[in-house]
Protein backbone atom coordinates (compact mmCIF):
# COMPACT_ATOMS: atom_id res chain seq x y z
CA MET A 1 -24.23 7.10 -3.73
CA PRO A 2 -26.81 5.90 -1.19
CA ALA A 3 -25.94 6.09 2.47
CA LYS A 4 -24.59 2.98 4.13
CA PRO A 5 -26.98 1.36 6.58
CA PRO A 6 -26.21 2.03 10.23
CA THR A 7 -23.77 -0.19 12.03
CA VAL A 8 -25.56 -2.03 14.82
CA ALA A 9 -23.81 -3.79 17.70
CA ASP A 10 -25.81 -5.64 20.34
CA LEU A 11 -23.77 -6.69 23.38
CA THR A 12 -24.82 -9.24 25.97
CA TRP A 13 -22.90 -9.59 29.22
CA ILE A 14 -21.68 -13.20 29.55
CA GLY A 15 -19.82 -12.94 32.86
CA ALA A 16 -16.70 -11.29 34.27
CA LEU A 17 -16.02 -8.37 31.92
CA ARG A 18 -16.90 -10.32 28.78
CA PHE A 19 -19.60 -9.54 26.24
CA ALA A 20 -21.01 -11.40 23.27
CA ALA A 21 -21.18 -8.84 20.47
CA ALA A 22 -23.63 -9.43 17.64
CA LEU A 23 -22.92 -7.14 14.71
CA ASN A 24 -24.71 -6.59 11.42
CA ASN A 25 -23.37 -9.78 9.81
CA SER A 26 -20.95 -11.30 12.30
CA SER A 27 -20.20 -11.80 15.96
CA LEU A 28 -17.31 -11.85 18.40
CA THR A 29 -16.55 -11.89 22.09
CA LEU A 30 -15.15 -8.75 23.67
CA ASP A 31 -13.12 -9.44 26.80
CA SER A 32 -11.64 -6.73 28.99
CA ALA A 33 -8.79 -9.12 29.83
CA GLY A 34 -8.18 -9.91 26.16
CA THR A 35 -8.25 -13.68 26.63
CA ALA A 36 -11.64 -14.90 25.33
CA GLY A 37 -11.48 -12.33 22.54
CA PRO A 38 -10.05 -8.91 21.91
CA SER A 39 -10.46 -6.18 24.49
CA PRO A 40 -12.51 -3.24 23.22
CA VAL A 41 -9.31 -1.21 22.72
CA ASP A 42 -7.59 -4.08 20.90
CA ALA A 43 -10.66 -4.39 18.67
CA LEU A 44 -10.40 -0.67 17.91
CA ALA A 45 -6.72 -1.04 16.97
CA ALA A 46 -7.54 -3.98 14.69
CA ALA A 47 -10.43 -2.01 13.18
CA LEU A 48 -8.16 0.93 12.35
CA ALA A 49 -5.47 -1.29 10.84
CA GLY A 50 -8.12 -3.32 9.00
CA CYS A 51 -9.88 -0.26 7.63
CA MET A 52 -6.70 1.24 6.22
CA ALA A 53 -5.39 -2.11 4.96
CA THR A 54 -8.68 -2.70 3.13
CA ASP A 55 -8.57 0.77 1.56
CA VAL A 56 -4.90 0.53 0.56
CA THR A 57 -5.38 -2.93 -0.94
CA ASP A 58 -8.50 -1.86 -2.84
CA ILE A 59 -6.86 1.28 -4.25
CA ILE A 60 -3.68 -0.54 -5.33
CA VAL A 61 -5.63 -3.39 -6.97
CA LYS A 62 -8.04 -1.02 -8.73
CA ALA A 63 -5.03 0.84 -10.12
CA ARG A 64 -3.98 -2.53 -11.61
CA HIS A 65 -0.68 -2.81 -9.78
CA PRO A 66 0.51 -6.42 -9.26
CA LEU A 67 0.01 -6.70 -5.50
CA ARG A 68 1.07 -10.14 -4.21
CA ALA A 69 0.76 -9.58 -0.45
CA LEU A 70 0.06 -6.88 2.11
CA LYS A 71 0.68 -7.01 5.84
CA SER A 72 0.14 -4.31 8.42
CA HIS A 73 1.68 -3.78 11.85
CA LEU A 74 0.03 -1.28 14.19
CA VAL A 75 1.45 0.00 17.47
CA ALA A 76 -0.83 2.26 19.52
CA GLU A 77 0.47 4.11 22.55
CA ARG A 78 -2.06 4.98 25.22
CA ALA A 79 -2.32 7.80 27.74
CA ASP A 80 -1.09 7.00 31.24
CA THR A 81 -4.27 8.29 32.88
CA ASP A 82 -7.95 7.57 32.35
CA PRO A 83 -9.51 7.32 29.84
CA ARG A 84 -6.19 5.83 28.60
CA ARG A 85 -7.06 6.72 25.02
CA PHE A 86 -4.77 6.31 22.04
CA VAL A 87 -2.36 9.23 21.86
CA ARG A 88 0.04 7.95 19.21
CA VAL A 89 -0.46 5.33 16.53
CA THR A 90 2.11 3.99 14.11
CA LEU A 91 0.92 1.81 11.24
CA HIS A 92 3.42 0.12 8.93
CA PHE A 93 2.53 -1.68 5.72
CA THR A 94 4.75 -4.33 4.15
CA ILE A 95 3.79 -4.78 0.53
CA GLU A 96 4.95 -7.43 -1.91
CA GLY A 97 4.71 -7.00 -5.64
CA GLU A 98 5.91 -4.58 -8.25
CA VAL A 99 3.91 -1.72 -6.80
CA PRO A 100 5.49 1.71 -7.23
CA ALA A 101 6.10 3.64 -4.01
CA HIS A 102 4.09 6.60 -5.32
CA ALA A 103 1.04 4.32 -5.73
CA VAL A 104 1.35 3.14 -2.12
CA GLU A 105 1.78 6.72 -0.89
CA ARG A 106 -1.33 7.76 -2.84
CA ALA A 107 -3.35 4.83 -1.48
CA ILE A 108 -2.32 5.62 2.11
CA ALA A 109 -3.14 9.31 1.67
CA LEU A 110 -6.56 8.53 0.18
CA SER A 111 -7.35 6.11 2.99
CA ARG A 112 -6.23 8.48 5.74
CA ASP A 113 -7.67 11.67 4.27
CA LYS A 114 -10.88 10.45 2.66
CA TYR A 115 -11.96 6.82 2.99
CA CYS A 116 -11.05 5.23 6.35
CA SER A 117 -14.22 5.61 8.38
CA VAL A 118 -12.56 4.18 11.49
CA TRP A 119 -9.84 6.85 11.46
CA HIS A 120 -12.40 9.58 10.80
CA SER A 121 -14.49 8.32 13.74
CA MET A 122 -11.57 8.80 16.12
CA ARG A 123 -10.15 11.97 17.70
CA GLN A 124 -8.06 13.73 15.10
CA ASP A 125 -5.46 14.95 17.62
CA ILE A 126 -3.90 11.49 17.78
CA ALA A 127 -0.36 11.50 16.40
CA PHE A 128 -0.77 9.03 13.53
CA ALA A 129 2.17 7.95 11.37
CA VAL A 130 1.92 5.51 8.48
CA THR A 131 5.00 4.00 6.81
CA PHE A 132 5.54 1.25 4.28
CA ASP A 133 8.06 -1.01 2.55
CA VAL A 134 7.65 -2.52 -0.90
CA ALA A 135 9.42 -5.76 -1.81
CA ALA A 136 9.17 -6.54 -5.53
């Protein structure tokens, strides 16, 4: 499999602690205060949840399970002192459809252990728990 092209982010300061971020194929505003757009840390949390949700969805669908809906809820606790990094992350998936629990467990394990590039780009000493519910 060929290597993915590099991810490129060009940021331009637009005042206060806000930056216009131009990415490979999209853009957003990063705002330290989290009002004009996500803060950098909020964007990281969304990226982690989004990466794993994408993987889990893809794996379940490719296994031909009847997935109707998937939601994720991430809570990230931060250190009390600088750099105030994530120290504990809990990610919960709520899944609708007749998807067997073992298929969800397998999808989560594959995402966490092999596929989620966001998780693998972070410090691996973060306490990271992933749970799920399936509603048929």
